Amino acid sequence: MPRKPKKPCRYPGCPNLTESAYCEEHSYLYQTERAGASERGYNGRWRKARRRYLKEHPLCVRCRERGKLVKATVVDHIIPHRGNEELFWDESNWQALCKNCHDRKTMTEDRYQEYKY
C-alpha cells in the first residue's frame, strides 16, 4: 500500500512535515484529554432519563420558536454542566433540540467556557 506524502504541521509558522495534523513538537498542544461519555455521566441512567424526557417533549424548542415542527433527538443542557452533577441532573436545565439546533448551540453558545462563567 503506497504511503501518503507528509504534509506541513498545522501549528502556525511550523515548517515540520508530519503524517498527522501536528508534528511531534506541537502535538501535545492539541491533545484532548476528554473523558469518555459514560465517565462524563452519559450512562444507562442518562439514556433512560433522556428517552423519557424526549417522549414528554417530542419537538425541538428552537425550531418551534421559528414556527417549524421538527422532531427533537437531543436533550441539551441549557447551561453546560461541565461536570457539575447537580446541574447535569436538573431537569429545569434541560431542553429538547433537534441535532442541527444542538450542534449550532454547542459551537456558538457553549463553546467557550469563559463566556458562561
PDB file of N, CA and C in Angstrom:
ATOM      1  N   MET A   1       0.841  -1.172   0.000  1.00  0.00           N
ATOM      2  CA  MET A   1       0.000   0.000   0.000  1.00  0.00           C
ATOM      3  C   MET A   1       0.894   1.246   0.000  1.00  0.00           C
ATOM      4  N   PRO A   2       0.713   2.156  -0.950  1.00  0.00           N
ATOM      5  CA  PRO A   2       1.575   3.339  -1.017  1.00  0.00           C
ATOM      6  C   PRO A   2       1.320   4.288   0.152  1.00  0.00           C
ATOM      7  N   ARG A   3       2.384   4.872   0.640  1.00  0.00           N
ATOM      8  CA  ARG A   3       2.271   5.819   1.751  1.00  0.00           C
ATOM      9  C   ARG A   3       1.900   7.189   1.217  1.00  0.00           C
ATOM     10  N   LYS A   4       1.153   7.918   1.999  1.00  0.00           N
ATOM     11  CA  LYS A   4       0.780   9.278   1.617  1.00  0.00           C
ATOM     12  C   LYS A   4       1.969  10.198   1.897  1.00  0.00           C
ATOM     13  N   PRO A   5       2.123  11.258   1.120  1.00  0.00           N
ATOM     14  CA  PRO A   5       3.212  12.192   1.394  1.00  0.00           C
ATOM     15  C   PRO A   5       2.941  12.947   2.692  1.00  0.00           C
ATOM     16  N   LYS A   6       4.006  13.325   3.347  1.00  0.00           N
ATOM     17  CA  LYS A   6       3.856  14.096   4.582  1.00  0.00           C
ATOM     18  C   LYS A   6       3.357  15.489   4.235  1.00  0.00           C
ATOM     19  N   LYS A   7       2.651  16.092   5.194  1.00  0.00           N
ATOM     20  CA  LYS A   7       2.116  17.433   4.980  1.00  0.00           C
ATOM     21  C   LYS A   7       2.630  18.360   6.082  1.00  0.00           C
ATOM     22  N   PRO A   8       2.571  19.675   5.870  1.00  0.00           N
ATOM     23  CA  PRO A   8       3.074  20.610   6.882  1.00  0.00           C
ATOM     24  C   PRO A   8       2.270  20.533   8.176  1.00  0.00           C
ATOM     25  N   CYS A   9       2.939  20.742   9.266  1.00  0.00           N
ATOM     26  CA  CYS A   9       2.304  20.806  10.578  1.00  0.00           C
ATOM     27  C   CYS A   9       1.318  21.971  10.569  1.00  0.00           C
ATOM     28  N   ARG A  10       0.165  21.797  11.227  1.00  0.00           N
ATOM     29  CA  ARG A  10      -0.859  22.846  11.264  1.00  0.00           C
ATOM     30  C   ARG A  10      -0.533  23.978  12.236  1.00  0.00           C
ATOM     31  N   TYR A  11       0.481  23.792  13.063  1.00  0.00           N
ATOM     32  CA  TYR A  11       0.840  24.854  14.004  1.00  0.00           C
ATOM     33  C   TYR A  11       1.338  26.066  13.206  1.00  0.00           C
ATOM     34  N   PRO A  12       0.813  27.261  13.484  1.00  0.00           N
ATOM     35  CA  PRO A  12       1.199  28.447  12.700  1.00  0.00           C
ATOM     36  C   PRO A  12       2.714  28.663  12.658  1.00  0.00           C
ATOM     37  N   GLY A  13       3.251  28.735  11.454  1.00  0.00           N
ATOM     38  CA  GLY A  13       4.672  29.010  11.249  1.00  0.00           C
ATOM     39  C   GLY A  13       5.601  27.821  11.383  1.00  0.00           C
ATOM     40  N   CYS A  14       5.081  26.651  11.691  1.00  0.00           N
ATOM     41  CA  CYS A  14       5.934  25.468  11.862  1.00  0.00           C
ATOM     42  C   CYS A  14       6.260  24.873  10.488  1.00  0.00           C
ATOM     43  N   PRO A  15       7.555  24.693  10.187  1.00  0.00           N
ATOM     44  CA  PRO A  15       7.946  24.148   8.886  1.00  0.00           C
ATOM     45  C   PRO A  15       8.013  22.620   8.850  1.00  0.00           C
ATOM     46  N   ASN A  16       7.834  21.961   9.983  1.00  0.00           N
ATOM     47  CA  ASN A  16       7.978  20.500  10.046  1.00  0.00           C
ATOM     48  C   ASN A  16       6.914  19.786   9.225  1.00  0.00           C
ATOM     49  N   LEU A  17       7.302  18.645   8.662  1.00  0.00           N
ATOM     50  CA  LEU A  17       6.363  17.806   7.929  1.00  0.00           C
ATOM     51  C   LEU A  17       5.923  16.660   8.828  1.00  0.00           C
ATOM     52  N   THR A  18       4.671  16.239   8.670  1.00  0.00           N
ATOM     53  CA  THR A  18       4.118  15.210   9.532  1.00  0.00           C
ATOM     54  C   THR A  18       3.108  14.350   8.789  1.00  0.00           C
ATOM     55  N   GLU A  19       2.823  13.180   9.325  1.00  0.00           N
ATOM     56  CA  GLU A  19       1.799  12.313   8.744  1.00  0.00           C
ATOM     57  C   GLU A  19       0.429  12.605   9.348  1.00  0.00           C
ATOM     58  N   SER A  20       0.405  13.212  10.541  1.00  0.00           N
ATOM     59  CA  SER A  20      -0.866  13.572  11.170  1.00  0.00           C
ATOM     60  C   SER A  20      -1.046  15.091  11.076  1.00  0.00           C
ATOM     61  N   ALA A  21      -1.935  15.653  11.876  1.00  0.00           N
ATOM     62  CA  ALA A  21      -2.218  17.089  11.800  1.00  0.00           C
ATOM     63  C   ALA A  21      -1.056  17.934  12.327  1.00  0.00           C
ATOM     64  N   TYR A  22      -0.416  17.485  13.410  1.00  0.00           N
ATOM     65  CA  TYR A  22       0.646  18.267  14.044  1.00  0.00           C
ATOM     66  C   TYR A  22       1.910  17.425  14.179  1.00  0.00           C
ATOM     67  N   CYS A  23       3.056  18.079  14.107  1.00  0.00           N
ATOM     68  CA  CYS A  23       4.328  17.383  14.269  1.00  0.00           C
ATOM     69  C   CYS A  23       4.494  16.983  15.738  1.00  0.00           C
ATOM     70  N   GLU A  24       5.503  16.174  16.019  1.00  0.00           N
ATOM     71  CA  GLU A  24       5.733  15.710  17.390  1.00  0.00           C
ATOM     72  C   GLU A  24       5.953  16.873  18.344  1.00  0.00           C
ATOM     73  N   GLU A  25       6.612  17.912  17.867  1.00  0.00           N
ATOM     74  CA  GLU A  25       6.907  19.077  18.702  1.00  0.00           C
ATOM     75  C   GLU A  25       5.641  19.789  19.169  1.00  0.00           C
ATOM     76  N   HIS A  26       4.584  19.805  18.342  1.00  0.00           N
ATOM     77  CA  HIS A  26       3.371  20.553  18.673  1.00  0.00           C
ATOM     78  C   HIS A  26       2.159  19.687  18.979  1.00  0.00           C
ATOM     79  N   SER A  27       2.255  18.391  18.844  1.00  0.00           N
ATOM     80  CA  SER A  27       1.089  17.528  19.046  1.00  0.00           C
ATOM     81  C   SER A  27       0.559  17.596  20.476  1.00  0.00           C
ATOM     82  N   TYR A  28       1.416  17.813  21.453  1.00  0.00           N
ATOM     83  CA  TYR A  28       0.972  17.867  22.845  1.00  0.00           C
ATOM     84  C   TYR A  28       0.038  19.050  23.087  1.00  0.00           C
ATOM     85  N   LEU A  29       0.150  20.102  22.298  1.00  0.00           N
ATOM     86  CA  LEU A  29      -0.698  21.277  22.467  1.00  0.00           C
ATOM     87  C   LEU A  29      -2.147  21.008  22.088  1.00  0.00           C
ATOM     88  N   TYR A  30      -2.358  20.015  21.244  1.00  0.00           N
ATOM     89  CA  TYR A  30      -3.690  19.769  20.714  1.00  0.00           C
ATOM     90  C   TYR A  30      -4.281  18.428  21.133  1.00  0.00           C
ATOM     91  N   GLN A  31      -3.674  17.777  22.090  1.00  0.00           N
ATOM     92  CA  GLN A  31      -4.221  16.517  22.571  1.00  0.00           C
ATOM     93  C   GLN A  31      -5.366  16.834  23.524  1.00  0.00           C
ATOM     94  N   THR A  32      -6.512  16.229  23.281  1.00  0.00           N
ATOM     95  CA  THR A  32      -7.646  16.432  24.179  1.00  0.00           C
ATOM     96  C   THR A  32      -7.683  15.274  25.156  1.00  0.00           C
ATOM     97  N   GLU A  33      -7.895  15.598  26.384  1.00  0.00           N
ATOM     98  CA  GLU A  33      -7.962  14.582  27.422  1.00  0.00           C
ATOM     99  C   GLU A  33      -9.390  14.487  27.931  1.00  0.00           C
ATOM    100  N   ARG A  34     -10.340  14.490  27.007  1.00  0.00           N
ATOM    101  CA  ARG A  34     -11.739  14.435  27.361  1.00  0.00           C
ATOM    102  C   ARG A  34     -12.094  13.009  27.767  1.00  0.00           C
ATOM    103  N   ALA A  35     -12.822  12.904  28.859  1.00  0.00           N
ATOM    104  CA  ALA A  35     -13.249  11.591  29.339  1.00  0.00           C
ATOM    105  C   ALA A  35     -14.307  11.018  28.412  1.00  0.00           C
ATOM    106  N   GLY A  36     -14.470   9.717  28.464  1.00  0.00           N
ATOM    107  CA  GLY A  36     -15.486   9.059  27.648  1.00  0.00           C
ATOM    108  C   GLY A  36     -16.887   9.452  28.086  1.00  0.00           C
ATOM    109  N   ALA A  37     -17.872   9.164  27.255  1.00  0.00           N
ATOM    110  CA  ALA A  37     -19.253   9.564  27.527  1.00  0.00           C
ATOM    111  C   ALA A  37     -19.754   9.025  28.864  1.00  0.00           C
ATOM    112  N   SER A  38     -19.537   7.741  29.135  1.00  0.00           N
ATOM    113  CA  SER A  38     -20.040   7.183  30.395  1.00  0.00           C
ATOM    114  C   SER A  38     -19.333   7.783  31.597  1.00  0.00           C
ATOM    115  N   GLU A  39     -18.070   8.146  31.438  1.00  0.00           N
ATOM    116  CA  GLU A  39     -17.334   8.790  32.530  1.00  0.00           C
ATOM    117  C   GLU A  39     -17.824  10.212  32.778  1.00  0.00           C
ATOM    118  N   ARG A  40     -18.454  10.827  31.752  1.00  0.00           N
ATOM    119  CA  ARG A  40     -18.997  12.175  31.900  1.00  0.00           C
ATOM    120  C   ARG A  40     -20.452  12.151  32.357  1.00  0.00           C
ATOM    121  N   GLY A  41     -21.008  10.961  32.636  1.00  0.00           N
ATOM    122  CA  GLY A  41     -22.362  10.851  33.156  1.00  0.00           C
ATOM    123  C   GLY A  41     -23.390  10.354  32.160  1.00  0.00           C
ATOM    124  N   TYR A  42     -23.003  10.191  30.902  1.00  0.00           N
ATOM    125  CA  TYR A  42     -23.945   9.738  29.880  1.00  0.00           C
ATOM    126  C   TYR A  42     -23.965   8.215  29.841  1.00  0.00           C
ATOM    127  N   ASN A  43     -24.581   7.642  30.859  1.00  0.00           N
ATOM    128  CA  ASN A  43     -24.615   6.187  31.032  1.00  0.00           C
ATOM    129  C   ASN A  43     -26.047   5.673  30.875  1.00  0.00           C
ATOM    130  N   GLY A  44     -26.322   4.491  31.346  1.00  0.00           N
ATOM    131  CA  GLY A  44     -27.656   3.904  31.244  1.00  0.00           C
ATOM    132  C   GLY A  44     -28.713   4.736  31.939  1.00  0.00           C
ATOM    133  N   ARG A  45     -28.381   5.275  33.085  1.00  0.00           N
ATOM    134  CA  ARG A  45     -29.329   6.130  33.815  1.00  0.00           C
ATOM    135  C   ARG A  45     -29.696   7.348  32.967  1.00  0.00           C
ATOM    136  N   TRP A  46     -28.687   7.960  32.331  1.00  0.00           N
ATOM    137  CA  TRP A  46     -28.942   9.123  31.475  1.00  0.00           C
ATOM    138  C   TRP A  46     -29.797   8.733  30.265  1.00  0.00           C
ATOM    139  N   ARG A  47     -29.469   7.613  29.628  1.00  0.00           N
ATOM    140  CA  ARG A  47     -30.218   7.196  28.442  1.00  0.00           C
ATOM    141  C   ARG A  47     -31.696   6.984  28.766  1.00  0.00           C
ATOM    142  N   LYS A  48     -31.964   6.430  29.939  1.00  0.00           N
ATOM    143  CA  LYS A  48     -33.347   6.211  30.375  1.00  0.00           C
ATOM    144  C   LYS A  48     -34.045   7.557  30.613  1.00  0.00           C
ATOM    145  N   ALA A  49     -33.376   8.481  31.298  1.00  0.00           N
ATOM    146  CA  ALA A  49     -33.945   9.808  31.564  1.00  0.00           C
ATOM    147  C   ALA A  49     -34.145  10.578  30.255  1.00  0.00           C
ATOM    148  N   ARG A  50     -33.190  10.469  29.344  1.00  0.00           N
ATOM    149  CA  ARG A  50     -33.259  11.140  28.041  1.00  0.00           C
ATOM    150  C   ARG A  50     -34.460  10.637  27.248  1.00  0.00           C
ATOM    151  N   ARG A  51     -34.617   9.331  27.207  1.00  0.00           N
ATOM    152  CA  ARG A  51     -35.729   8.725  26.470  1.00  0.00           C
ATOM    153  C   ARG A  51     -37.074   9.212  27.017  1.00  0.00           C
ATOM    154  N   ARG A  52     -37.212   9.239  28.348  1.00  0.00           N
ATOM    155  CA  ARG A  52     -38.441   9.707  28.986  1.00  0.00           C
ATOM    156  C   ARG A  52     -38.684  11.183  28.670  1.00  0.00           C
ATOM    157  N   TYR A  53     -37.627  12.004  28.751  1.00  0.00           N
ATOM    158  CA  TYR A  53     -37.760  13.438  28.507  1.00  0.00           C
ATOM    159  C   TYR A  53     -38.179  13.712  27.061  1.00  0.00           C
ATOM    160  N   LEU A  54     -37.582  13.003  26.112  1.00  0.00           N
ATOM    161  CA  LEU A  54     -37.941  13.208  24.703  1.00  0.00           C
ATOM    162  C   LEU A  54     -39.360  12.726  24.400  1.00  0.00           C
ATOM    163  N   LYS A  55     -39.829  11.746  25.154  1.00  0.00           N
ATOM    164  CA  LYS A  55     -41.214  11.296  24.984  1.00  0.00           C
ATOM    165  C   LYS A  55     -42.173  12.390  25.455  1.00  0.00           C
ATOM    166  N   GLU A  56     -41.806  13.080  26.539  1.00  0.00           N
ATOM    167  CA  GLU A  56     -42.631  14.168  27.078  1.00  0.00           C
ATOM    168  C   GLU A  56     -42.489  15.460  26.272  1.00  0.00           C
ATOM    169  N   HIS A  57     -41.335  15.669  25.625  1.00  0.00           N
ATOM    170  CA  HIS A  57     -41.042  16.879  24.853  1.00  0.00           C
ATOM    171  C   HIS A  57     -40.553  16.467  23.458  1.00  0.00           C
ATOM    172  N   PRO A  58     -41.469  16.064  22.569  1.00  0.00           N
ATOM    173  CA  PRO A  58     -41.057  15.483  21.288  1.00  0.00           C
ATOM    174  C   PRO A  58     -40.566  16.475  20.232  1.00  0.00           C
ATOM    175  N   LEU A  59     -40.793  17.782  20.424  1.00  0.00           N
ATOM    176  CA  LEU A  59     -40.431  18.755  19.391  1.00  0.00           C
ATOM    177  C   LEU A  59     -39.267  19.648  19.820  1.00  0.00           C
ATOM    178  N   CYS A  60     -38.464  20.035  18.837  1.00  0.00           N
ATOM    179  CA  CYS A  60     -37.327  20.924  19.076  1.00  0.00           C
ATOM    180  C   CYS A  60     -37.824  22.293  19.510  1.00  0.00           C
ATOM    181  N   VAL A  61     -37.326  22.761  20.647  1.00  0.00           N
ATOM    182  CA  VAL A  61     -37.728  24.042  21.222  1.00  0.00           C
ATOM    183  C   VAL A  61     -37.370  25.201  20.292  1.00  0.00           C
ATOM    184  N   ARG A  62     -36.178  25.195  19.758  1.00  0.00           N
ATOM    185  CA  ARG A  62     -35.722  26.310  18.917  1.00  0.00           C
ATOM    186  C   ARG A  62     -36.436  26.350  17.571  1.00  0.00           C
ATOM    187  N   CYS A  63     -36.675  25.204  16.981  1.00  0.00           N
ATOM    188  CA  CYS A  63     -37.409  25.177  15.708  1.00  0.00           C
ATOM    189  C   CYS A  63     -38.841  25.651  15.920  1.00  0.00           C
ATOM    190  N   ARG A  64     -39.448  25.235  17.039  1.00  0.00           N
ATOM    191  CA  ARG A  64     -40.819  25.658  17.339  1.00  0.00           C
ATOM    192  C   ARG A  64     -40.919  27.167  17.482  1.00  0.00           C
ATOM    193  N   GLU A  65     -39.890  27.793  18.053  1.00  0.00           N
ATOM    194  CA  GLU A  65     -39.878  29.256  18.183  1.00  0.00           C
ATOM    195  C   GLU A  65     -39.895  29.930  16.812  1.00  0.00           C
ATOM    196  N   ARG A  66     -39.365  29.236  15.790  1.00  0.00           N
ATOM    197  CA  ARG A  66     -39.343  29.777  14.427  1.00  0.00           C
ATOM    198  C   ARG A  66     -40.538  29.291  13.603  1.00  0.00           C
ATOM    199  N   GLY A  67     -41.486  28.641  14.262  1.00  0.00           N
ATOM    200  CA  GLY A  67     -42.689  28.197  13.584  1.00  0.00           C
ATOM    201  C   GLY A  67     -42.558  26.885  12.834  1.00  0.00           C
ATOM    202  N   LYS A  68     -41.499  26.133  13.076  1.00  0.00           N
ATOM    203  CA  LYS A  68     -41.288  24.844  12.411  1.00  0.00           C
ATOM    204  C   LYS A  68     -41.508  23.720  13.421  1.00  0.00           C
ATOM    205  N   LEU A  69     -42.055  22.622  12.951  1.00  0.00           N
ATOM    206  CA  LEU A  69     -42.257  21.453  13.805  1.00  0.00           C
ATOM    207  C   LEU A  69     -41.242  20.390  13.405  1.00  0.00           C
ATOM    208  N   VAL A  70     -40.213  20.243  14.230  1.00  0.00           N
ATOM    209  CA  VAL A  70     -39.127  19.296  13.951  1.00  0.00           C
ATOM    210  C   VAL A  70     -38.960  18.389  15.161  1.00  0.00           C
ATOM    211  N   LYS A  71     -38.811  17.107  14.903  1.00  0.00           N
ATOM    212  CA  LYS A  71     -38.644  16.123  15.977  1.00  0.00           C
ATOM    213  C   LYS A  71     -37.341  16.372  16.739  1.00  0.00           C
ATOM    214  N   ALA A  72     -37.427  16.394  18.053  1.00  0.00           N
ATOM    215  CA  ALA A  72     -36.244  16.544  18.901  1.00  0.00           C
ATOM    216  C   ALA A  72     -35.565  15.196  19.046  1.00  0.00           C
ATOM    217  N   THR A  73     -34.246  15.192  18.979  1.00  0.00           N
ATOM    218  CA  THR A  73     -33.483  13.945  19.134  1.00  0.00           C
ATOM    219  C   THR A  73     -32.416  14.059  20.209  1.00  0.00           C
ATOM    220  N   VAL A  74     -32.227  15.271  20.748  1.00  0.00           N
ATOM    221  CA  VAL A  74     -31.162  15.517  21.721  1.00  0.00           C
ATOM    222  C   VAL A  74     -31.739  16.226  22.933  1.00  0.00           C
ATOM    223  N   VAL A  75     -31.326  15.794  24.119  1.00  0.00           N
ATOM    224  CA  VAL A  75     -31.649  16.537  25.336  1.00  0.00           C
ATOM    225  C   VAL A  75     -30.415  17.372  25.659  1.00  0.00           C
ATOM    226  N   ASP A  76     -30.578  18.676  25.561  1.00  0.00           N
ATOM    227  CA  ASP A  76     -29.474  19.615  25.739  1.00  0.00           C
ATOM    228  C   ASP A  76     -29.504  20.199  27.147  1.00  0.00           C
ATOM    229  N   HIS A  77     -28.324  20.417  27.703  1.00  0.00           N
ATOM    230  CA  HIS A  77     -28.216  21.144  28.965  1.00  0.00           C
ATOM    231  C   HIS A  77     -28.143  22.631  28.611  1.00  0.00           C
ATOM    232  N   ILE A  78     -29.139  23.402  28.999  1.00  0.00           N
ATOM    233  CA  ILE A  78     -29.212  24.824  28.670  1.00  0.00           C
ATOM    234  C   ILE A  78     -27.952  25.526  29.147  1.00  0.00           C
ATOM    235  N   ILE A  79     -27.628  25.328  30.415  1.00  0.00           N
ATOM    236  CA  ILE A  79     -26.354  25.805  30.960  1.00  0.00           C
ATOM    237  C   ILE A  79     -25.437  24.588  30.975  1.00  0.00           C
ATOM    238  N   PRO A  80     -24.315  24.620  30.258  1.00  0.00           N
ATOM    239  CA  PRO A  80     -23.422  23.450  30.236  1.00  0.00           C
ATOM    240  C   PRO A  80     -23.024  23.029  31.650  1.00  0.00           C
ATOM    241  N   HIS A  81     -23.148  21.757  31.941  1.00  0.00           N
ATOM    242  CA  HIS A  81     -22.884  21.280  33.306  1.00  0.00           C
ATOM    243  C   HIS A  81     -21.396  21.193  33.621  1.00  0.00           C
ATOM    244  N   ARG A  82     -20.552  20.976  32.634  1.00  0.00           N
ATOM    245  CA  ARG A  82     -19.095  20.900  32.796  1.00  0.00           C
ATOM    246  C   ARG A  82     -18.679  20.069  34.016  1.00  0.00           C
ATOM    247  N   GLY A  83     -19.367  18.929  34.193  1.00  0.00           N
ATOM    248  CA  GLY A  83     -19.012  18.011  35.272  1.00  0.00           C
ATOM    249  C   GLY A  83     -19.794  18.206  36.550  1.00  0.00           C
ATOM    250  N   ASN A  84     -20.577  19.266  36.672  1.00  0.00           N
ATOM    251  CA  ASN A  84     -21.386  19.524  37.866  1.00  0.00           C
ATOM    252  C   ASN A  84     -22.583  18.572  37.839  1.00  0.00           C
ATOM    253  N   GLU A  85     -22.566  17.560  38.697  1.00  0.00           N
ATOM    254  CA  GLU A  85     -23.593  16.525  38.673  1.00  0.00           C
ATOM    255  C   GLU A  85     -24.972  17.067  39.021  1.00  0.00           C
ATOM    256  N   GLU A  86     -25.038  18.030  39.920  1.00  0.00           N
ATOM    257  CA  GLU A  86     -26.331  18.621  40.285  1.00  0.00           C
ATOM    258  C   GLU A  86     -26.956  19.322  39.071  1.00  0.00           C
ATOM    259  N   LEU A  87     -26.159  20.079  38.342  1.00  0.00           N
ATOM    260  CA  LEU A  87     -26.626  20.766  37.141  1.00  0.00           C
ATOM    261  C   LEU A  87     -26.949  19.760  36.030  1.00  0.00           C
ATOM    262  N   PHE A  88     -26.171  18.691  35.969  1.00  0.00           N
ATOM    263  CA  PHE A  88     -26.384  17.643  34.964  1.00  0.00           C
ATOM    264  C   PHE A  88     -27.773  17.043  35.092  1.00  0.00           C
ATOM    265  N   TRP A  89     -28.221  16.752  36.319  1.00  0.00           N
ATOM    266  CA  TRP A  89     -29.494  16.070  36.541  1.00  0.00           C
ATOM    267  C   TRP A  89     -30.667  17.014  36.786  1.00  0.00           C
ATOM    268  N   ASP A  90     -30.447  18.313  36.772  1.00  0.00           N
ATOM    269  CA  ASP A  90     -31.510  19.293  36.980  1.00  0.00           C
ATOM    270  C   ASP A  90     -32.356  19.408  35.707  1.00  0.00           C
ATOM    271  N   GLU A  91     -33.567  18.835  35.721  1.00  0.00           N
ATOM    272  CA  GLU A  91     -34.409  18.812  34.526  1.00  0.00           C
ATOM    273  C   GLU A  91     -34.845  20.200  34.084  1.00  0.00           C
ATOM    274  N   SER A  92     -34.835  21.179  34.971  1.00  0.00           N
ATOM    275  CA  SER A  92     -35.178  22.545  34.556  1.00  0.00           C
ATOM    276  C   SER A  92     -34.060  23.136  33.693  1.00  0.00           C
ATOM    277  N   ASN A  93     -32.916  22.461  33.651  1.00  0.00           N
ATOM    278  CA  ASN A  93     -31.779  22.884  32.827  1.00  0.00           C
ATOM    279  C   ASN A  93     -31.731  22.099  31.507  1.00  0.00           C
ATOM    280  N   TRP A  94     -32.757  21.316  31.221  1.00  0.00           N
ATOM    281  CA  TRP A  94     -32.803  20.516  30.005  1.00  0.00           C
ATOM    282  C   TRP A  94     -33.733  21.155  28.985  1.00  0.00           C
ATOM    283  N   GLN A  95     -33.428  20.939  27.714  1.00  0.00           N
ATOM    284  CA  GLN A  95     -34.336  21.323  26.642  1.00  0.00           C
ATOM    285  C   GLN A  95     -34.206  20.322  25.505  1.00  0.00           C
ATOM    286  N   ALA A  96     -35.310  20.090  24.815  1.00  0.00           N
ATOM    287  CA  ALA A  96     -35.328  19.156  23.687  1.00  0.00           C
ATOM    288  C   ALA A  96     -34.944  19.917  22.419  1.00  0.00           C
ATOM    289  N   LEU A  97     -33.935  19.408  21.700  1.00  0.00           N
ATOM    290  CA  LEU A  97     -33.481  20.042  20.469  1.00  0.00           C
ATOM    291  C   LEU A  97     -33.302  18.995  19.376  1.00  0.00           C
ATOM    292  N   CYS A  98     -33.393  19.447  18.124  1.00  0.00           N
ATOM    293  CA  CYS A  98     -33.009  18.574  17.008  1.00  0.00           C
ATOM    294  C   CYS A  98     -31.475  18.618  16.932  1.00  0.00           C
ATOM    295  N   LYS A  99     -30.879  17.720  16.213  1.00  0.00           N
ATOM    296  CA  LYS A  99     -29.416  17.665  16.139  1.00  0.00           C
ATOM    297  C   LYS A  99     -28.832  18.949  15.560  1.00  0.00           C
ATOM    298  N   ASN A 100     -29.466  19.510  14.520  1.00  0.00           N
ATOM    299  CA  ASN A 100     -28.944  20.739  13.915  1.00  0.00           C
ATOM    300  C   ASN A 100     -28.903  21.887  14.916  1.00  0.00           C
ATOM    301  N   CYS A 101     -29.987  22.083  15.649  1.00  0.00           N
ATOM    302  CA  CYS A 101     -30.022  23.169  16.639  1.00  0.00           C
ATOM    303  C   CYS A 101     -29.026  22.914  17.767  1.00  0.00           C
ATOM    304  N   HIS A 102     -28.905  21.652  18.192  1.00  0.00           N
ATOM    305  CA  HIS A 102     -27.956  21.324  19.256  1.00  0.00           C
ATOM    306  C   HIS A 102     -26.522  21.595  18.817  1.00  0.00           C
ATOM    307  N   ASP A 103     -26.178  21.163  17.602  1.00  0.00           N
ATOM    308  CA  ASP A 103     -24.818  21.387  17.107  1.00  0.00           C
ATOM    309  C   ASP A 103     -24.527  22.876  16.977  1.00  0.00           C
ATOM    310  N   ARG A 104     -25.489  23.645  16.485  1.00  0.00           N
ATOM    311  CA  ARG A 104     -25.305  25.090  16.336  1.00  0.00           C
ATOM    312  C   ARG A 104     -25.107  25.749  17.704  1.00  0.00           C
ATOM    313  N   LYS A 105     -25.940  25.359  18.690  1.00  0.00           N
ATOM    314  CA  LYS A 105     -25.833  25.925  20.041  1.00  0.00           C
ATOM    315  C   LYS A 105     -24.486  25.576  20.677  1.00  0.00           C
ATOM    316  N   THR A 106     -24.086  24.320  20.528  1.00  0.00           N
ATOM    317  CA  THR A 106     -22.832  23.871  21.128  1.00  0.00           C
ATOM    318  C   THR A 106     -21.637  24.629  20.560  1.00  0.00           C
ATOM    319  N   MET A 107     -21.636  24.848  19.254  1.00  0.00           N
ATOM    320  CA  MET A 107     -20.495  25.517  18.617  1.00  0.00           C
ATOM    321  C   MET A 107     -20.498  27.035  18.816  1.00  0.00           C
ATOM    322  N   THR A 108     -21.633  27.625  19.157  1.00  0.00           N
ATOM    323  CA  THR A 108     -21.659  29.079  19.326  1.00  0.00           C
ATOM    324  C   THR A 108     -21.761  29.467  20.795  1.00  0.00           C
ATOM    325  N   GLU A 109     -22.808  29.049  21.461  1.00  0.00           N
ATOM    326  CA  GLU A 109     -23.049  29.481  22.839  1.00  0.00           C
ATOM    327  C   GLU A 109     -22.229  28.739  23.884  1.00  0.00           C
ATOM    328  N   ASP A 110     -22.063  27.426  23.714  1.00  0.00           N
ATOM    329  CA  ASP A 110     -21.429  26.601  24.758  1.00  0.00           C
ATOM    330  C   ASP A 110     -19.941  26.419  24.568  1.00  0.00           C
ATOM    331  N   ARG A 111     -19.412  26.853  23.449  1.00  0.00           N
ATOM    332  CA  ARG A 111     -18.049  26.507  23.079  1.00  0.00           C
ATOM    333  C   ARG A 111     -16.994  27.038  24.033  1.00  0.00           C
ATOM    334  N   TYR A 112     -17.098  28.289  24.415  1.00  0.00           N
ATOM    335  CA  TYR A 112     -16.045  28.908  25.225  1.00  0.00           C
ATOM    336  C   TYR A 112     -16.514  29.081  26.664  1.00  0.00           C
ATOM    337  N   GLN A 113     -15.831  28.411  27.535  1.00  0.00           N
ATOM    338  CA  GLN A 113     -16.207  28.394  28.951  1.00  0.00           C
ATOM    339  C   GLN A 113     -16.216  29.796  29.560  1.00  0.00           C
ATOM    340  N   GLU A 114     -15.266  30.663  29.173  1.00  0.00           N
ATOM    341  CA  GLU A 114     -15.148  31.967  29.791  1.00  0.00           C
ATOM    342  C   GLU A 114     -16.363  32.852  29.541  1.00  0.00           C
ATOM    343  N   TYR A 115     -17.153  32.568  28.496  1.00  0.00           N
ATOM    344  CA  TYR A 115     -18.333  33.372  28.219  1.00  0.00           C
ATOM    345  C   TYR A 115     -19.525  32.989  29.090  1.00  0.00           C
ATOM    346  N   LYS A 116     -19.468  31.874  29.763  1.00  0.00           N
ATOM    347  CA  LYS A 116     -20.591  31.405  30.562  1.00  0.00           C
ATOM    348  C   LYS A 116     -20.361  31.594  32.064  1.00  0.00           C
ATOM    349  N   TYR A 117     -19.111  31.668  32.493  1.00  0.00           N
ATOM    350  CA  TYR A 117     -18.875  31.697  33.936  1.00  0.00           C
ATOM    351  C   TYR A 117     -18.134  32.936  34.350  1.00  0.00           C
TER     352      TYR A 117
END
